[in-house]
Amino acid sequence: MLVLSRKKGESIIIGDQIEITLVSVEADTVRIGITAPKEIDILRKELYQSIKESNVEAVVNQLDFSRFSGEIKNTKKN
């Protein structure tokens, strides 16, 4: 992990297209501004984790349904 010190109004550039600017610091809250192309998704980590977990759960449920569906088809053939 790269750790940088920035003051209010200063920025960090990632690649050629992403700029992160320190907007304000108040008590234990830091506000940042992010400038990036529209095709780049920017999510809070907790939201990203929630989406990731939901996707894994959906795949597991789909696999369970596929297996259950296959068992029903096999039962009907017998």
C-alpha atoms as a PDB file:
ATOM      1  CA  MET A   1       0.000   0.000   0.000  1.00  0.00           C
ATOM      2  CA  LEU A   2       1.287   3.443  -0.914  1.00  0.00           C
ATOM      3  CA  VAL A   3       0.635   6.036   1.799  1.00  0.00           C
ATOM      4  CA  LEU A   4       0.808   9.717   0.860  1.00  0.00           C
ATOM      5  CA  SER A   5       0.318  12.907   2.839  1.00  0.00           C
ATOM      6  CA  ARG A   6      -1.868  15.560   1.219  1.00  0.00           C
ATOM      7  CA  LYS A   7      -3.193  18.916   2.364  1.00  0.00           C
ATOM      8  CA  LYS A   8      -6.640  20.321   1.604  1.00  0.00           C
ATOM      9  CA  GLY A   9      -6.879  21.142  -2.104  1.00  0.00           C
ATOM     10  CA  GLU A  10      -3.972  18.895  -3.112  1.00  0.00           C
ATOM     11  CA  SER A  11      -4.447  15.972  -5.495  1.00  0.00           C
ATOM     12  CA  ILE A  12      -3.141  12.555  -6.418  1.00  0.00           C
ATOM     13  CA  ILE A  13      -3.124  11.346 -10.028  1.00  0.00           C
ATOM     14  CA  ILE A  14      -3.672   7.647 -10.841  1.00  0.00           C
ATOM     15  CA  GLY A  15      -2.721   6.751 -14.386  1.00  0.00           C
ATOM     16  CA  ASP A  16      -3.661   9.400 -16.934  1.00  0.00           C
ATOM     17  CA  GLN A  17      -7.379   9.591 -16.199  1.00  0.00           C
ATOM     18  CA  ILE A  18      -8.060   9.555 -12.450  1.00  0.00           C
ATOM     19  CA  GLU A  19      -7.521  12.467 -10.081  1.00  0.00           C
ATOM     20  CA  ILE A  20      -8.254  12.291  -6.360  1.00  0.00           C
ATOM     21  CA  THR A  21      -8.461  15.632  -4.562  1.00  0.00           C
ATOM     22  CA  LEU A  22      -8.554  16.160  -0.810  1.00  0.00           C
ATOM     23  CA  VAL A  23     -11.605  18.398  -0.368  1.00  0.00           C
ATOM     24  CA  SER A  24     -11.767  18.767   3.428  1.00  0.00           C
ATOM     25  CA  VAL A  25     -10.654  17.335   6.750  1.00  0.00           C
ATOM     26  CA  GLU A  26     -12.948  17.703   9.757  1.00  0.00           C
ATOM     27  CA  ALA A  27     -12.389  15.765  12.991  1.00  0.00           C
ATOM     28  CA  ASP A  28     -12.188  12.109  11.902  1.00  0.00           C
ATOM     29  CA  THR A  29     -13.788  12.606   8.459  1.00  0.00           C
ATOM     30  CA  VAL A  30     -11.885  13.182   5.248  1.00  0.00           C
ATOM     31  CA  ARG A  31     -13.810  14.232   2.124  1.00  0.00           C
ATOM     32  CA  ILE A  32     -12.290  13.432  -1.234  1.00  0.00           C
ATOM     33  CA  GLY A  33     -13.291  14.323  -4.761  1.00  0.00           C
ATOM     34  CA  ILE A  34     -12.662  11.896  -7.606  1.00  0.00           C
ATOM     35  CA  THR A  35     -12.458  12.879 -11.248  1.00  0.00           C
ATOM     36  CA  ALA A  36     -12.540   9.882 -13.596  1.00  0.00           C
ATOM     37  CA  PRO A  37     -14.073   8.811 -16.919  1.00  0.00           C
ATOM     38  CA  LYS A  38     -17.725   7.740 -16.736  1.00  0.00           C
ATOM     39  CA  GLU A  39     -16.864   4.164 -17.766  1.00  0.00           C
ATOM     40  CA  ILE A  40     -14.837   3.665 -14.575  1.00  0.00           C
ATOM     41  CA  ASP A  41     -16.985   2.513 -11.650  1.00  0.00           C
ATOM     42  CA  ILE A  42     -16.242   4.195  -8.334  1.00  0.00           C
ATOM     43  CA  LEU A  43     -17.780   2.529  -5.289  1.00  0.00           C
ATOM     44  CA  ARG A  44     -17.330   2.714  -1.544  1.00  0.00           C
ATOM     45  CA  LYS A  45     -15.591  -0.457  -0.402  1.00  0.00           C
ATOM     46  CA  GLU A  46     -18.520  -1.597   1.782  1.00  0.00           C
ATOM     47  CA  LEU A  47     -20.890  -1.290  -1.196  1.00  0.00           C
ATOM     48  CA  TYR A  48     -18.435  -3.148  -3.445  1.00  0.00           C
ATOM     49  CA  GLN A  49     -18.171  -5.964  -0.869  1.00  0.00           C
ATOM     50  CA  SER A  50     -21.961  -6.175  -0.576  1.00  0.00           C
ATOM     51  CA  ILE A  51     -22.367  -6.433  -4.358  1.00  0.00           C
ATOM     52  CA  LYS A  52     -19.614  -9.042  -4.529  1.00  0.00           C
ATOM     53  CA  GLU A  53     -21.272 -11.146  -1.813  1.00  0.00           C
ATOM     54  CA  SER A  54     -24.664 -10.854  -3.522  1.00  0.00           C
ATOM     55  CA  ASN A  55     -23.147 -12.010  -6.806  1.00  0.00           C
ATOM     56  CA  VAL A  56     -21.539 -15.037  -5.153  1.00  0.00           C
ATOM     57  CA  GLU A  57     -24.843 -15.891  -3.454  1.00  0.00           C
ATOM     58  CA  ALA A  58     -26.692 -15.590  -6.780  1.00  0.00           C
ATOM     59  CA  VAL A  59     -24.238 -17.967  -8.467  1.00  0.00           C
ATOM     60  CA  VAL A  60     -24.579 -20.500  -5.638  1.00  0.00           C
ATOM     61  CA  ASN A  61     -28.370 -20.264  -5.811  1.00  0.00           C
ATOM     62  CA  GLN A  62     -28.277 -20.657  -9.595  1.00  0.00           C
ATOM     63  CA  LEU A  63     -26.077 -23.745  -9.249  1.00  0.00           C
ATOM     64  CA  ASP A  64     -28.436 -25.198  -6.637  1.00  0.00           C
ATOM     65  CA  PHE A  65     -31.441 -24.488  -8.881  1.00  0.00           C
ATOM     66  CA  SER A  66     -29.693 -26.056 -11.891  1.00  0.00           C
ATOM     67  CA  ARG A  67     -28.913 -29.184  -9.901  1.00  0.00           C
ATOM     68  CA  PHE A  68     -32.477 -29.341  -8.527  1.00  0.00           C
ATOM     69  CA  SER A  69     -33.893 -28.815 -12.026  1.00  0.00           C
ATOM     70  CA  GLY A  70     -31.703 -31.639 -13.350  1.00  0.00           C
ATOM     71  CA  GLU A  71     -32.899 -33.971 -10.598  1.00  0.00           C
ATOM     72  CA  ILE A  72     -36.545 -33.209 -11.451  1.00  0.00           C
ATOM     73  CA  LYS A  73     -35.897 -33.988 -15.123  1.00  0.00           C
ATOM     74  CA  ASN A  74     -34.233 -37.285 -14.168  1.00  0.00           C
ATOM     75  CA  THR A  75     -37.180 -38.180 -11.913  1.00  0.00           C
ATOM     76  CA  LYS A  76     -39.683 -37.511 -14.720  1.00  0.00           C
ATOM     77  CA  LYS A  77     -37.736 -39.809 -17.101  1.00  0.00           C
ATOM     78  CA  ASN A  78     -37.923 -42.695 -14.626  1.00  0.00           C
END
